[in-house]
């Protein structure tokens, strides 16, 4: 080959190889947002995820936050890790701690939904009245067994509400806090006659009937908030998801899960 044509041949080979590799390159994968959700908000996140993912190149990886005996700090990976979280969705007290620890960006914090305490029985079982404090007390006294979650909500019931209702010693023996599983699961199996937990958590449990919320004058509201993690790998996409949660579509999904949009 004449030396004059060698550069042209090399250029053609490089271009051909580049086009071949471009043809073989897979389509861009969707961005994965890692969401750390407390148990009371996880149903809302799962409810809105399908519609949100459908029209966007986004995948939501929803991770349940630790139980009461594990600190949130133990859950977080270093910011540089592929397992770092983008968004935290949790109750107000936990969010306040994360702000104090400088783990989240306080400027992105937004209140999303309110949760209230409800009572459930096994599917098809008799439903006692709980519309007044007196009726709730009768239901508790007459029940064979009572359970509540080992969470701040459960602690409110066992350390504040129940002691003020003048329940007898027998009630203390037949009531317990559950840590290893959701209250609804124990109720559905028939291991517990009456189960108390936040409505959003009970709504996600099969095999139970939700009797209703406990009376307003002894109710305790839990407020859920969202915020971006400091150094989130995908801050733009994470902020867009928070904005969606405040939109009409996001609020509808939050309400469907059993929370009251804020």
Protein backbone atom coordinates (compact mmCIF):
# COMPACT_ATOMS: atom_id res chain seq x y z
CA UNK A 1 0.00 0.00 0.00
CA UNK A 2 1.22 3.43 -0.85
CA UNK A 3 2.25 5.28 2.37
CA UNK A 4 -0.02 8.18 1.41
CA UNK A 5 -3.14 6.04 1.98
CA UNK A 6 -2.19 4.54 5.37
CA UNK A 7 -3.57 7.42 7.54
CA UNK A 8 -6.87 7.29 5.67
CA UNK A 9 -7.12 3.53 6.24
CA UNK A 10 -6.41 3.91 9.97
CA UNK A 11 -9.10 6.61 10.25
CA UNK A 12 -11.66 4.35 8.62
CA UNK A 13 -10.80 1.48 10.98
CA UNK A 14 -11.18 3.73 14.07
CA UNK A 15 -14.52 5.11 12.89
CA UNK A 16 -15.81 1.66 12.05
CA UNK A 17 -14.80 0.29 15.46
CA UNK A 18 -16.44 3.23 17.24
CA UNK A 19 -19.71 2.78 15.39
CA UNK A 20 -19.68 -0.92 16.15
CA UNK A 21 -19.21 -0.29 19.88
CA UNK A 22 -21.95 2.37 19.87
CA UNK A 23 -24.34 -0.09 18.25
CA UNK A 24 -23.51 -2.69 20.91
CA UNK A 25 -23.86 -0.26 23.84
CA UNK A 26 -27.04 -0.91 25.90
CA UNK A 27 -29.58 1.82 26.47
CA UNK A 28 -29.01 4.02 29.50
CA UNK A 29 -30.26 2.38 32.64
CA UNK A 30 -32.82 4.22 34.78
CA UNK A 31 -31.55 6.14 37.79
CA UNK A 32 -32.15 4.24 41.02
CA UNK A 33 -33.20 6.38 43.96
CA UNK A 34 -32.67 4.70 47.33
CA UNK A 35 -35.39 5.70 49.81
CA UNK A 36 -35.15 4.99 53.53
CA UNK A 37 -38.76 4.80 54.81
CA UNK A 38 -40.08 4.32 58.31
CA UNK A 39 -42.78 1.67 58.57
CA UNK A 40 -45.60 4.22 58.75
CA UNK A 41 -44.72 5.78 55.39
CA UNK A 42 -43.54 2.75 53.42
CA UNK A 43 -47.06 1.94 52.16
CA UNK A 44 -47.36 5.46 50.74
CA UNK A 45 -44.01 5.13 48.96
CA UNK A 46 -45.00 1.78 47.49
CA UNK A 47 -48.40 3.12 46.41
CA UNK A 48 -46.98 6.03 44.41
CA UNK A 49 -43.95 4.15 43.00
CA UNK A 50 -45.58 2.38 39.99
CA UNK A 51 -47.08 5.52 38.43
CA UNK A 52 -43.99 7.57 39.18
CA UNK A 53 -41.63 5.03 37.61
CA UNK A 54 -43.86 4.42 34.60
CA UNK A 55 -43.41 7.83 33.00
CA UNK A 56 -39.81 8.47 34.09
CA UNK A 57 -36.43 6.82 33.77
CA UNK A 58 -36.42 6.32 37.53
CA UNK A 59 -36.47 3.23 39.75
CA UNK A 60 -37.39 3.58 43.43
CA UNK A 61 -35.54 1.24 45.77
CA UNK A 62 -37.65 1.46 48.94
CA UNK A 63 -35.91 0.26 52.09
CA UNK A 64 -37.66 -0.10 55.44
CA UNK A 65 -35.93 1.79 58.24
CA UNK A 66 -34.70 -0.17 61.26
CA UNK A 67 -36.82 -1.33 64.16
CA UNK A 68 -36.94 0.51 67.45
CA UNK A 69 -33.89 -1.32 68.85
CA UNK A 70 -31.60 -0.30 65.94
CA UNK A 71 -30.50 3.29 65.50
CA UNK A 72 -30.89 5.04 62.17
CA UNK A 73 -27.19 5.87 62.26
CA UNK A 74 -26.33 2.16 61.99
CA UNK A 75 -28.30 1.98 58.74
CA UNK A 76 -26.49 4.63 56.73
CA UNK A 77 -23.66 3.82 54.36
CA UNK A 78 -20.89 6.33 53.58
CA UNK A 79 -21.94 8.97 51.06
CA UNK A 80 -19.44 7.63 48.52
CA UNK A 81 -20.91 4.14 48.69
CA UNK A 82 -23.24 2.86 45.94
CA UNK A 83 -25.56 1.93 48.80
CA UNK A 84 -25.88 5.52 50.04
CA UNK A 85 -29.43 6.82 50.43
CA UNK A 86 -30.91 9.65 48.39
CA UNK A 87 -34.03 10.40 50.40
CA UNK A 88 -35.29 9.79 53.94
CA UNK A 89 -39.02 9.57 54.71
CA UNK A 90 -39.65 9.29 58.41
CA UNK A 91 -41.49 10.67 61.43
CA UNK A 92 -40.86 14.12 62.84
CA UNK A 93 -38.80 13.01 65.86
CA UNK A 94 -36.48 10.87 63.74
CA UNK A 95 -36.14 13.62 61.17
CA UNK A 96 -35.23 16.13 63.88
CA UNK A 97 -32.40 13.81 64.97
CA UNK A 98 -31.14 13.46 61.39
CA UNK A 99 -31.14 17.24 60.98
CA UNK A 100 -29.19 17.61 64.25
CA UNK A 101 -26.70 14.98 63.04
CA UNK A 102 -26.35 16.90 59.75
CA UNK A 103 -27.21 13.80 57.76
CA UNK A 104 -29.99 15.47 55.76
CA UNK A 105 -30.29 18.82 54.02
CA UNK A 106 -32.72 20.81 56.22
CA UNK A 107 -33.52 23.17 53.35
CA UNK A 108 -35.19 20.27 51.50
CA UNK A 109 -37.29 19.08 54.43
CA UNK A 110 -41.00 18.93 53.64
CA UNK A 111 -43.98 17.64 55.65
CA UNK A 112 -45.91 15.00 53.73
CA UNK A 113 -48.61 13.24 55.73
CA UNK A 114 -50.26 12.69 59.09
CA UNK A 115 -50.92 9.28 60.58
CA UNK A 116 -53.37 8.29 63.30
CA UNK A 117 -53.75 5.28 65.58
CA UNK A 118 -56.33 2.67 64.59
CA UNK A 119 -57.54 -0.67 65.93
CA UNK A 120 -58.00 -3.91 63.97
CA UNK A 121 -59.47 -7.38 64.49
CA UNK A 122 -59.15 -10.59 62.53
CA UNK A 123 -61.05 -10.65 59.24
CA UNK A 124 -64.70 -11.46 59.97
CA UNK A 125 -64.39 -11.18 63.76
CA UNK A 126 -66.82 -9.18 65.86
CA UNK A 127 -65.94 -5.47 65.92
CA UNK A 128 -66.34 -3.75 69.29
CA UNK A 129 -67.26 -0.10 69.51
CA UNK A 130 -64.36 2.30 70.08
CA UNK A 131 -66.00 5.62 69.14
CA UNK A 132 -65.79 6.97 72.71
CA UNK A 133 -63.18 6.59 75.42
CA UNK A 134 -65.68 4.62 77.54
CA UNK A 135 -66.40 2.25 74.63
CA UNK A 136 -62.68 1.83 73.97
CA UNK A 137 -62.08 1.02 77.63
CA UNK A 138 -64.83 -1.63 77.57
CA UNK A 139 -63.30 -3.17 74.44
CA UNK A 140 -59.89 -3.34 76.09
CA UNK A 141 -61.25 -4.83 79.33
CA UNK A 142 -63.31 -7.48 77.51
CA UNK A 143 -60.63 -8.50 75.02
CA UNK A 144 -58.80 -11.79 75.41
CA UNK A 145 -55.53 -10.29 74.15
CA UNK A 146 -54.21 -6.92 72.98
CA UNK A 147 -51.08 -6.00 71.04
CA UNK A 148 -49.44 -2.80 69.89
CA UNK A 149 -46.24 -2.03 68.01
CA UNK A 150 -42.96 -1.47 69.84
CA UNK A 151 -42.71 2.04 68.42
CA UNK A 152 -43.27 5.55 69.78
CA UNK A 153 -46.95 5.04 69.00
CA UNK A 154 -47.00 1.85 71.07
CA UNK A 155 -45.14 3.56 73.87
CA UNK A 156 -47.75 6.32 73.89
CA UNK A 157 -50.47 3.70 74.32
CA UNK A 158 -48.73 1.62 76.97
CA UNK A 159 -47.09 4.42 78.96
CA UNK A 160 -49.65 7.19 78.70
CA UNK A 161 -53.11 6.26 77.41
CA UNK A 162 -53.69 2.82 78.93
CA UNK A 163 -52.49 3.81 82.45
CA UNK A 164 -54.91 6.75 82.44
CA UNK A 165 -57.85 4.53 81.55
CA UNK A 166 -57.80 2.76 84.92
CA UNK A 167 -57.43 -0.71 83.40
CA UNK A 168 -56.97 -3.57 85.84
CA UNK A 169 -54.00 -5.87 86.44
CA UNK A 170 -55.49 -8.47 84.12
CA UNK A 171 -55.15 -6.07 81.20
CA UNK A 172 -51.43 -5.71 81.81
CA UNK A 173 -51.06 -9.51 81.66
CA UNK A 174 -52.94 -9.88 78.36
CA UNK A 175 -51.37 -6.94 76.49
CA UNK A 176 -47.93 -6.81 74.88
CA UNK A 177 -45.69 -4.91 72.51
CA UNK A 178 -44.59 -6.57 69.26
CA UNK A 179 -41.15 -5.98 67.76
CA UNK A 180 -40.51 -8.93 65.48
CA UNK A 181 -43.50 -8.48 63.16
CA UNK A 182 -46.29 -6.03 62.25
CA UNK A 183 -49.27 -6.02 64.58
CA UNK A 184 -51.59 -6.81 61.66
CA UNK A 185 -49.83 -10.12 61.02
CA UNK A 186 -50.42 -11.32 64.58
CA UNK A 187 -54.07 -10.22 64.41
CA UNK A 188 -54.60 -11.97 61.05
CA UNK A 189 -53.29 -15.27 62.50
CA UNK A 190 -55.63 -14.99 65.46
CA UNK A 191 -52.79 -14.74 67.97
CA UNK A 192 -54.12 -11.36 69.10
CA UNK A 193 -57.75 -10.28 69.34
CA UNK A 194 -57.24 -6.50 69.24
CA UNK A 195 -54.31 -4.84 67.51
CA UNK A 196 -53.31 -1.17 67.66
CA UNK A 197 -51.01 0.51 65.17
CA UNK A 198 -50.94 3.46 62.82
CA UNK A 199 -53.67 3.23 60.19
CA UNK A 200 -51.19 3.35 57.30
CA UNK A 201 -49.45 0.23 58.64
CA UNK A 202 -52.65 -1.70 59.35
CA UNK A 203 -54.03 -0.96 55.87
CA UNK A 204 -51.10 -2.83 54.36
CA UNK A 205 -51.84 -6.01 56.34
CA UNK A 206 -54.04 -8.72 54.75
CA UNK A 207 -56.50 -10.80 56.75
CA UNK A 208 -57.74 -8.12 59.13
CA UNK A 209 -60.64 -5.71 59.48
CA UNK A 210 -59.87 -2.18 60.61
CA UNK A 211 -62.45 -1.17 63.22
CA UNK A 212 -61.51 2.50 63.08
CA UNK A 213 -59.45 5.22 64.70
CA UNK A 214 -59.31 5.60 68.45
CA UNK A 215 -61.29 8.64 69.76
CA UNK A 216 -60.04 12.09 68.84
CA UNK A 217 -59.59 13.24 72.44
CA UNK A 218 -57.01 10.48 73.10
CA UNK A 219 -55.58 10.28 69.59
CA UNK A 220 -51.92 10.92 68.83
CA UNK A 221 -50.91 12.21 65.40
CA UNK A 222 -47.58 11.26 63.83
CA UNK A 223 -46.27 13.65 61.18
CA UNK A 224 -44.12 12.22 58.37
CA UNK A 225 -41.55 14.28 56.54
CA UNK A 226 -39.10 13.83 53.70
CA UNK A 227 -35.65 15.28 53.11
CA UNK A 228 -32.63 14.75 50.88
CA UNK A 229 -29.57 13.05 52.30
CA UNK A 230 -26.46 15.19 52.43
CA UNK A 231 -24.37 14.34 49.34
CA UNK A 232 -27.19 12.32 47.76
CA UNK A 233 -25.89 10.63 44.59
CA UNK A 234 -28.94 11.94 42.68
CA UNK A 235 -30.05 15.24 44.27
CA UNK A 236 -31.96 16.56 41.24
CA UNK A 237 -34.03 13.38 40.84
CA UNK A 238 -34.56 13.08 44.60
CA UNK A 239 -35.84 16.65 44.84
CA UNK A 240 -38.18 16.01 41.90
CA UNK A 241 -39.63 13.03 43.77
CA UNK A 242 -40.28 15.16 46.85
CA UNK A 243 -42.03 17.74 44.65
CA UNK A 244 -44.17 14.95 43.17
CA UNK A 245 -45.23 13.82 46.65
CA UNK A 246 -46.69 17.29 47.22
CA UNK A 247 -48.53 17.28 43.87
CA UNK A 248 -52.17 16.22 43.47
CA UNK A 249 -51.11 12.76 42.21
CA UNK A 250 -48.67 12.27 45.07
CA UNK A 251 -51.18 13.44 47.67
CA UNK A 252 -53.78 11.03 46.28
CA UNK A 253 -51.34 8.12 46.68
CA UNK A 254 -50.48 9.21 50.23
CA UNK A 255 -54.16 9.36 51.15
CA UNK A 256 -54.82 5.95 49.58
CA UNK A 257 -52.16 4.44 51.84
CA UNK A 258 -53.98 5.55 54.98
CA UNK A 259 -52.20 8.83 55.69
CA UNK A 260 -53.77 12.27 55.65
CA UNK A 261 -51.76 14.45 53.20
CA UNK A 262 -50.25 17.45 54.93
